[in-house]
C-alpha cells in the first residue's frame, strides 16, 4: 500500500490551496476552483479566503466576479451550508446535492405548516402555489429582498411556530423558508447584498435573468462522481469518512461515486485513505509560508479529521458547534489564531513557537490582511474562545 504521510499532505495543501509562495495568484474564480467551493456562511469568509491566496486583488474583484461577471454564484449546498461556487459547477452541485436538499426542506417546512393548522386544504399544493407566486413576483421585479416579496405575496407573511411550547420557540413568517426552497431548486439566486461585502442581507433574482444562459442538468450519479473527483484532487488523499462528512451524503452514495473513479487505497500515517490513482506522485515541498485564514475558511473545513494540521489547538479555535475561527498557518499547520478589533487592528496569538523567520512571514500576512479590510469592520457570525480573548 502506498504511504502518504502528514508532511506530504501539508505540501499538497500549501500548493493546491494557493497558500505557498509561487502558488498564490489568479483571480477569485481560479481560487475558488482550487478549493472546489468557498465556504460562505459568513459573507466575509469568501472575500478573506480569496485575499489570503492572491496578490494585488481587492474586495472589489470578488464583487465583480459575483455580481457583474457572475462567474461565481452563492448557493446552499453540501450539509445545508452556504457556499460560493464557480458558475460552471452549478449543474454538478444542483444534481448531486441541491435537488435532494430542496425536497428535504420542502417536506420539513410542510410539516411545520401542517402542524400549525393555518392552511385550509392540502399543504403541499398550498406551498407549491406560494412558491410559484413568489417566483412570478420576482420575475416581475427583477430583483428584490424578502421583505419586498412578502408585500407582493401576502401568504409569505403567514407566521408559523416551528416549536410550540418550547422555551426556544420563535414564531416566524414563511418568507425565508420559501426562498430557501426556491434557491435550493435553482429557480432563484442570491444577488448583491444591501451593504458592504460583509453583509448577509441579500437581494434575490430569478435565475432566468441572473444566468440567462441557463445550465443543463446532469444525472445525479454523474454529478456526484464529478464532485468527488474534484474534492479528491483538492483535498486528497483522505479518509472516505472525510469525504462523506464534506458532502453530507450517505456512505453508500459516496462509495458508489468512488466506484466510478480510478482510485487507490493509501496509508495516511496508519489511517486508511483514498487518492486518485493518477495523483500519487509526491508534490515537492514548497518554500516556507504563512497565512492568515478567516473563520470557516474552506481549507480547515475541508476535512473532518484534522489532527495532521490542527494538532492540539481545537479547544481554542473552535466553537461548540464545530465552527473554526480565524487561524494562523505556517507550512501546512495551524499555529495560532487572529481577530480584528473594533478599531481595525489585527491582533494575533501564537499557540506554539514558530521561530523568528516564520514570525516575519506572519507579520507580513498581518499587514496584507489589514490592507484587505481597509475601513471595513467585520462582525463575526460566531465567537471562538481565542477570538473572544483577543478582542476582550
Protein backbone atom coordinates (compact mmCIF):
# COMPACT_ATOMS: atom_id res chain seq x y z
CA UNK A 1 0.00 0.00 0.00
CA UNK A 2 1.25 3.49 -0.89
CA UNK A 3 2.08 5.57 2.20
CA UNK A 4 1.40 9.32 2.16
CA UNK A 5 2.32 10.96 5.43
CA UNK A 6 1.37 14.26 7.04
CA UNK A 7 4.38 16.11 5.57
CA UNK A 8 3.28 15.27 2.02
CA UNK A 9 -0.34 16.18 2.76
CA UNK A 10 0.83 19.55 4.08
CA UNK A 11 2.92 20.10 0.95
CA UNK A 12 -0.15 19.42 -1.20
CA UNK A 13 -2.23 21.74 0.95
CA UNK A 14 0.24 24.61 0.55
CA UNK A 15 0.49 24.21 -3.22
CA UNK A 16 -3.04 23.26 -4.20
CA UNK A 17 -4.80 25.65 -1.86
CA UNK A 18 -2.72 28.54 -3.22
CA UNK A 19 -1.09 29.39 0.09
CA UNK A 20 2.60 28.73 -0.55
CA UNK A 21 4.97 31.06 -2.46
CA UNK A 22 4.55 30.58 -6.16
CA UNK A 23 1.10 29.04 -5.72
CA UNK A 24 -0.73 32.26 -4.91
CA UNK A 25 -2.25 34.17 -7.75
CA UNK A 26 -5.05 34.15 -10.26
CA UNK A 27 -8.43 35.69 -9.69
CA UNK A 28 -11.45 34.87 -7.50
CA UNK A 29 -12.69 32.16 -9.85
CA UNK A 30 -9.32 30.40 -10.03
CA UNK A 31 -9.01 30.47 -6.25
CA UNK A 32 -12.49 29.02 -5.85
CA UNK A 33 -11.81 26.24 -8.34
CA UNK A 34 -8.67 25.31 -6.38
CA UNK A 35 -10.86 24.62 -3.34
CA UNK A 36 -13.91 23.33 -5.27
CA UNK A 37 -16.10 25.85 -3.43
CA UNK A 38 -15.64 28.63 -0.86
CA UNK A 39 -17.43 28.48 2.47
CA UNK A 40 -19.91 31.37 2.62
CA UNK A 41 -21.94 31.05 5.83
CA UNK A 42 -20.16 34.22 6.90
CA UNK A 43 -20.04 36.53 3.84
CA UNK A 44 -16.66 37.92 4.87
CA UNK A 45 -15.11 34.45 4.59
CA UNK A 46 -15.45 34.44 0.80
CA UNK A 47 -13.56 37.70 0.41
CA UNK A 48 -10.89 36.95 3.00
CA UNK A 49 -10.31 33.45 1.60
CA UNK A 50 -9.60 34.99 -1.80
CA UNK A 51 -7.44 37.73 -0.32
CA UNK A 52 -5.26 35.24 1.55
CA UNK A 53 -4.48 33.39 -1.69
CA UNK A 54 -3.87 36.20 -4.17
CA UNK A 55 -1.60 39.17 -4.70
CA UNK A 56 -2.76 42.64 -5.64
CA UNK A 57 -6.52 41.99 -5.61
CA UNK A 58 -9.08 43.95 -3.61
CA UNK A 59 -12.59 43.03 -2.41
CA UNK A 60 -13.93 44.80 -5.50
CA UNK A 61 -12.52 41.99 -7.67
CA UNK A 62 -14.57 39.44 -5.76
CA UNK A 63 -17.68 41.60 -6.04
CA UNK A 64 -17.20 41.83 -9.81
CA UNK A 65 -16.95 38.06 -10.12
CA UNK A 66 -20.08 37.57 -8.00
CA UNK A 67 -22.39 40.32 -9.19
CA UNK A 68 -21.16 41.72 -12.52
CA UNK A 69 -19.45 38.88 -14.36
CA UNK A 70 -21.49 36.29 -12.42
CA UNK A 71 -18.70 33.78 -12.80
CA UNK A 72 -19.27 32.86 -9.16
CA UNK A 73 -22.63 32.06 -7.59
CA UNK A 74 -23.72 31.86 -3.95
CA UNK A 75 -25.82 28.81 -3.13
CA UNK A 76 -26.95 26.46 -0.38
CA UNK A 77 -25.39 23.05 -0.98
CA UNK A 78 -23.48 20.37 0.96
CA UNK A 79 -24.61 19.86 4.58
CA UNK A 80 -27.21 22.61 4.04
CA UNK A 81 -24.30 25.06 4.17
CA UNK A 82 -23.84 28.24 2.16
CA UNK A 83 -21.06 28.16 -0.44
CA UNK A 84 -19.78 30.24 -3.32
CA UNK A 85 -19.06 28.12 -6.39
CA UNK A 86 -17.79 28.66 -9.92
CA UNK A 87 -20.88 29.08 -12.06
CA UNK A 88 -19.83 26.20 -14.31
CA UNK A 89 -20.05 23.90 -11.26
CA UNK A 90 -23.71 24.77 -10.73
CA UNK A 91 -25.08 21.75 -12.70
CA UNK A 92 -22.88 19.41 -10.64
CA UNK A 93 -23.97 20.86 -7.31
CA UNK A 94 -27.61 21.10 -8.36
CA UNK A 95 -27.93 17.45 -9.37
CA UNK A 96 -25.60 15.93 -6.77
CA UNK A 97 -26.87 17.82 -3.75
CA UNK A 98 -29.27 20.72 -4.16
CA UNK A 99 -32.25 18.90 -5.67
CA UNK A 100 -32.32 16.48 -2.73
CA UNK A 101 -31.87 19.40 -0.34
CA UNK A 102 -34.85 21.25 -1.83
CA UNK A 103 -37.01 18.12 -1.46
CA UNK A 104 -35.92 17.66 2.15
CA UNK A 105 -36.53 21.30 3.09
CA UNK A 106 -39.96 21.35 1.42
CA UNK A 107 -41.01 18.30 3.43
CA UNK A 108 -39.70 19.76 6.69
CA UNK A 109 -41.34 23.16 6.19
CA UNK A 110 -44.54 21.47 5.04
CA UNK A 111 -44.72 19.53 8.31
CA UNK A 112 -44.35 22.74 10.31
CA UNK A 113 -47.12 24.39 8.33
CA UNK A 114 -49.37 21.35 8.71
CA UNK A 115 -48.78 21.18 12.47
CA UNK A 116 -49.66 24.88 12.79
CA UNK A 117 -53.05 24.18 11.15
CA UNK A 118 -53.12 27.53 9.33
CA UNK A 119 -53.93 26.21 5.86
CA UNK A 120 -57.29 25.05 4.54
CA UNK A 121 -56.79 22.11 2.23
CA UNK A 122 -53.67 20.31 1.05
CA UNK A 123 -50.46 21.83 2.46
CA UNK A 124 -48.30 20.53 -0.40
CA UNK A 125 -50.46 22.24 -3.01
CA UNK A 126 -50.71 25.41 -0.92
CA UNK A 127 -46.93 25.65 -0.53
CA UNK A 128 -46.40 24.99 -4.24
CA UNK A 129 -48.79 27.86 -5.05
CA UNK A 130 -46.88 30.23 -2.74
CA UNK A 131 -43.58 29.22 -4.36
CA UNK A 132 -44.99 29.87 -7.84
CA UNK A 133 -46.40 33.26 -6.80
CA UNK A 134 -43.07 34.25 -5.24
CA UNK A 135 -41.13 33.27 -8.34
CA UNK A 136 -43.56 35.19 -10.54
CA UNK A 137 -43.31 38.27 -8.32
CA UNK A 138 -39.52 38.12 -8.53
CA UNK A 139 -39.66 37.84 -12.31
CA UNK A 140 -41.78 40.99 -12.36
CA UNK A 141 -39.48 42.94 -10.06
CA UNK A 142 -36.21 41.62 -11.49
CA UNK A 143 -34.56 41.72 -8.06
CA UNK A 144 -35.99 42.07 -4.57
CA UNK A 145 -35.42 41.46 -0.89
CA UNK A 146 -37.50 39.03 1.10
CA UNK A 147 -39.34 41.94 2.71
CA UNK A 148 -40.28 43.36 -0.68
CA UNK A 149 -41.52 39.99 -1.90
CA UNK A 150 -43.66 39.50 1.21
CA UNK A 151 -45.54 42.67 0.25
CA UNK A 152 -46.22 41.26 -3.22
CA UNK A 153 -47.20 37.79 -1.98
CA UNK A 154 -49.31 38.15 1.20
CA UNK A 155 -49.16 34.45 2.02
CA UNK A 156 -45.41 34.80 2.58
CA UNK A 157 -46.34 36.68 5.76
CA UNK A 158 -48.00 33.55 7.21
CA UNK A 159 -46.46 33.08 10.65
CA UNK A 160 -45.54 29.63 11.94
CA UNK A 161 -44.31 28.46 15.33
CA UNK A 162 -41.99 25.54 14.49
CA UNK A 163 -41.55 24.51 18.14
CA UNK A 164 -44.79 25.34 20.03
CA UNK A 165 -44.46 25.24 23.79
CA UNK A 166 -40.65 25.21 23.75
CA UNK A 167 -38.61 27.87 25.52
CA UNK A 168 -36.54 28.45 22.37
CA UNK A 169 -39.59 28.79 20.13
CA UNK A 170 -39.62 31.79 17.83
CA UNK A 171 -42.62 32.20 15.50
CA UNK A 172 -41.53 33.29 12.04
CA UNK A 173 -43.00 34.10 8.67
CA UNK A 174 -42.51 31.56 5.89
CA UNK A 175 -40.72 34.07 3.63
CA UNK A 176 -37.25 32.67 4.29
CA UNK A 177 -38.50 29.09 4.02
CA UNK A 178 -39.94 29.68 0.55
CA UNK A 179 -36.82 31.50 -0.63
CA UNK A 180 -34.62 28.66 0.65
CA UNK A 181 -36.68 26.10 -1.29
CA UNK A 182 -36.63 28.15 -4.50
CA UNK A 183 -32.91 28.78 -4.10
CA UNK A 184 -32.13 25.12 -3.48
CA UNK A 185 -34.11 24.21 -6.59
CA UNK A 186 -32.03 26.63 -8.64
CA UNK A 187 -35.02 28.80 -9.54
CA UNK A 188 -33.72 31.93 -7.80
CA UNK A 189 -30.26 33.23 -6.91
CA UNK A 190 -28.82 35.34 -4.09
CA UNK A 191 -27.71 38.60 -5.64
CA UNK A 192 -25.89 41.70 -4.44
CA UNK A 193 -26.16 42.38 -0.69
CA UNK A 194 -27.52 45.51 0.90
CA UNK A 195 -24.32 46.97 2.31
CA UNK A 196 -20.63 46.11 2.25
CA UNK A 197 -19.02 42.79 1.38
CA UNK A 198 -19.52 41.64 4.98
CA UNK A 199 -23.33 41.95 4.78
CA UNK A 200 -25.64 38.92 4.72
CA UNK A 201 -28.78 40.86 3.72
CA UNK A 202 -29.08 39.77 0.09
CA UNK A 203 -31.38 40.67 -2.73
CA UNK A 204 -32.78 37.81 -4.79
CA UNK A 205 -33.03 37.44 -8.56
CA UNK A 206 -34.73 34.85 -10.77
CA UNK A 207 -32.24 32.50 -12.36
CA UNK A 208 -33.74 33.34 -15.77
CA UNK A 209 -32.37 36.88 -15.59
CA UNK A 210 -29.32 36.33 -13.37
CA UNK A 211 -27.94 33.50 -15.50
CA UNK A 212 -29.76 33.87 -18.83
CA UNK A 213 -27.54 31.23 -20.43
CA UNK A 214 -29.05 28.71 -18.03
CA UNK A 215 -27.47 25.34 -17.32
CA UNK A 216 -28.12 21.77 -18.38
CA UNK A 217 -28.92 19.31 -15.58
CA UNK A 218 -26.75 16.23 -15.11
CA UNK A 219 -27.79 12.76 -13.99
CA UNK A 220 -27.32 12.70 -10.18
CA UNK A 221 -24.83 9.81 -10.25
CA UNK A 222 -22.68 11.54 -12.86
CA UNK A 223 -22.77 14.76 -10.85
CA UNK A 224 -21.70 13.00 -7.66
CA UNK A 225 -18.77 11.36 -9.43
CA UNK A 226 -17.54 14.71 -10.74
CA UNK A 227 -17.84 16.41 -7.35
CA UNK A 228 -15.92 13.58 -5.67
CA UNK A 229 -13.20 13.77 -8.34
CA UNK A 230 -12.73 17.49 -7.76
CA UNK A 231 -12.69 17.09 -3.99
CA UNK A 232 -10.10 14.30 -4.13
CA UNK A 233 -7.75 16.43 -6.20
CA UNK A 234 -8.11 19.44 -3.90
CA UNK A 235 -8.25 17.62 -0.55
CA UNK A 236 -6.98 14.11 -1.18
CA UNK A 237 -5.60 11.81 -0.18
CA UNK A 238 -8.04 11.49 2.70
CA UNK A 239 -10.19 9.00 4.59
CA UNK A 240 -13.53 8.16 2.98
CA UNK A 241 -15.19 9.42 6.18
CA UNK A 242 -13.85 12.92 5.44
CA UNK A 243 -15.47 12.82 2.01
CA UNK A 244 -18.75 11.59 3.49
CA UNK A 245 -18.71 14.41 6.03
CA UNK A 246 -17.87 17.12 3.49
CA UNK A 247 -20.55 16.08 1.00
CA UNK A 248 -23.21 15.29 3.59
CA UNK A 249 -24.18 12.23 1.52
CA UNK A 250 -24.77 8.71 2.76
CA UNK A 251 -21.80 6.37 2.86
CA UNK A 252 -23.47 4.33 0.13
CA UNK A 253 -23.66 7.35 -2.17
CA UNK A 254 -20.02 8.17 -1.54
CA UNK A 255 -18.83 4.63 -2.20
CA UNK A 256 -20.94 4.41 -5.36
CA UNK A 257 -19.33 7.59 -6.69
CA UNK A 258 -15.85 6.35 -5.80
CA UNK A 259 -16.54 3.11 -7.67
CA UNK A 260 -16.71 5.09 -10.93
CA UNK A 261 -13.28 6.64 -10.37
CA UNK A 262 -9.81 5.16 -10.67
CA UNK A 263 -8.71 5.41 -7.04
CA UNK A 264 -6.00 3.80 -4.94
CA UNK A 265 -6.14 2.96 -1.25
CA UNK A 266 -3.33 4.65 0.65
CA UNK A 267 -1.93 4.65 4.17
CA UNK A 268 -2.15 8.03 5.93
CA UNK A 269 0.14 7.50 8.92
CA UNK A 270 -1.81 4.43 9.96
CA UNK A 271 -5.22 5.63 8.81
CA UNK A 272 -6.69 4.19 5.59
CA UNK A 273 -7.46 6.71 2.87
CA UNK A 274 -8.04 7.04 -0.84
CA UNK A 275 -6.43 9.06 -3.63
CA UNK A 276 -6.85 9.39 -7.36
CA UNK A 277 -4.59 6.79 -8.96
CA UNK A 278 -3.03 9.35 -11.30
CA UNK A 279 -2.27 11.64 -8.34
CA UNK A 280 0.10 9.54 -6.25
CA UNK A 281 3.38 11.20 -7.23
CA UNK A 282 4.91 13.27 -4.42
CA UNK A 283 4.38 17.02 -4.54
CA UNK A 284 7.59 19.00 -3.95
CA UNK A 285 7.77 20.66 -0.57
CA UNK A 286 7.10 24.38 -1.10
CA UNK A 287 9.17 27.21 0.30
CA UNK A 288 8.31 28.29 3.85
CA UNK A 289 4.97 30.09 4.02
CA UNK A 290 2.47 31.60 6.41
CA UNK A 291 -1.16 32.63 6.03
CA UNK A 292 -3.98 34.23 7.97
CA UNK A 293 -7.17 32.37 7.05
CA UNK A 294 -10.64 33.57 8.06
CA UNK A 295 -13.26 31.83 10.12
CA UNK A 296 -14.76 28.86 8.25
CA UNK A 297 -12.13 29.02 5.53
CA UNK A 298 -12.54 26.07 3.12
CA UNK A 299 -9.08 24.69 3.92
CA UNK A 300 -9.64 23.76 7.59
CA UNK A 301 -13.29 22.99 6.83
CA UNK A 302 -12.34 20.59 4.01
CA UNK A 303 -11.73 17.62 6.32
CA UNK A 304 -13.42 16.14 9.35
CA UNK A 305 -10.18 14.51 10.57
CA UNK A 306 -7.87 17.44 11.24
CA UNK A 307 -5.15 16.27 13.63
CA UNK A 308 -2.47 16.25 10.92
CA UNK A 309 -2.69 20.04 10.54
CA UNK A 310 -4.55 21.17 13.68
CA UNK A 311 -2.61 19.41 16.42
CA UNK A 312 -3.88 20.11 19.97
CA UNK A 313 -5.32 23.54 19.20
CA UNK A 314 -9.01 22.69 18.64
CA UNK A 315 -10.31 23.89 22.06
CA UNK A 316 -9.07 27.43 21.44
CA UNK A 317 -10.06 27.70 17.80
CA UNK A 318 -13.48 26.01 17.51
CA UNK A 319 -16.83 26.96 18.98
CA UNK A 320 -19.23 24.39 20.45
CA UNK A 321 -20.95 23.87 17.10
CA UNK A 322 -17.77 22.83 15.29
CA UNK A 323 -17.12 26.19 13.60
CA UNK A 324 -13.46 27.14 13.28
CA UNK A 325 -12.44 30.74 13.87
CA UNK A 326 -9.66 32.77 12.18
CA UNK A 327 -6.41 30.80 12.10
CA UNK A 328 -2.70 31.39 11.55
CA UNK A 329 -0.94 28.81 9.38
CA UNK A 330 2.72 28.00 8.86
CA UNK A 331 3.91 25.38 6.36
CA UNK A 332 0.64 23.46 6.34
CA UNK A 333 -0.09 23.55 10.08
CA UNK A 334 -2.26 25.75 12.26
CA UNK A 335 -0.02 27.55 14.76
CA UNK A 336 -2.29 30.27 16.17
CA UNK A 337 -5.34 32.47 15.77
CA UNK A 338 -6.21 36.07 14.99
CA UNK A 339 -9.06 38.56 15.22
CA UNK A 340 -9.99 42.05 14.08
CA UNK A 341 -10.70 44.55 16.85
CA UNK A 342 -13.29 47.31 16.61
CA UNK A 343 -10.62 49.85 15.64
CA UNK A 344 -9.50 47.62 12.75
CA UNK A 345 -6.31 46.32 14.40
CA UNK A 346 -5.45 42.71 13.56
CA UNK A 347 -4.39 41.00 16.79
CA UNK A 348 -2.82 37.54 16.94
CA UNK A 349 -1.81 34.84 19.37
CA UNK A 350 0.61 32.05 18.54
CA UNK A 351 -0.16 28.70 20.16
CA UNK A 352 3.32 27.29 19.62
CA UNK A 353 6.85 28.53 18.99
CA UNK A 354 7.38 29.18 15.28
CA UNK A 355 10.81 30.78 15.21
CA UNK A 356 11.95 34.19 14.02
CA UNK A 357 11.80 33.53 10.28
CA UNK A 358 8.24 32.25 10.38
CA UNK A 359 7.35 35.14 12.67
CA UNK A 360 8.42 37.57 9.93
CA UNK A 361 6.24 35.75 7.40
CA UNK A 362 3.28 36.01 9.78
CA UNK A 363 3.91 39.73 10.28
CA UNK A 364 3.74 40.22 6.53
CA UNK A 365 0.40 38.40 6.41
CA UNK A 366 -0.94 40.62 9.19
CA UNK A 367 -0.11 43.65 7.04
CA UNK A 368 -1.77 42.07 3.98
CA UNK A 369 -4.93 41.25 5.93
CA UNK A 370 -5.09 44.74 7.43
CA UNK A 371 -4.84 46.27 3.96
CA UNK A 372 -7.52 43.94 2.61
CA UNK A 373 -10.00 45.04 5.28
CA UNK A 374 -9.26 48.73 4.82
CA UNK A 375 -12.00 50.67 6.60
CA UNK A 376 -14.35 47.67 6.77
CA UNK A 377 -15.08 46.08 10.14
CA UNK A 378 -16.36 42.51 10.05
CA UNK A 379 -18.75 41.40 12.77
CA UNK A 380 -18.12 37.69 13.49
CA UNK A 381 -21.14 35.41 13.00
CA UNK A 382 -19.88 33.29 15.91
CA UNK A 383 -17.14 33.56 18.51
CA UNK A 384 -14.44 31.08 19.44
CA UNK A 385 -12.58 31.09 22.78
CA UNK A 386 -9.39 32.59 21.35
CA UNK A 387 -11.31 35.17 19.33
CA UNK A 388 -13.10 36.31 22.48
CA UNK A 389 -9.82 36.54 24.33
CA UNK A 390 -8.15 38.59 21.62
CA UNK A 391 -10.98 41.12 21.37
CA UNK A 392 -11.75 41.45 25.07
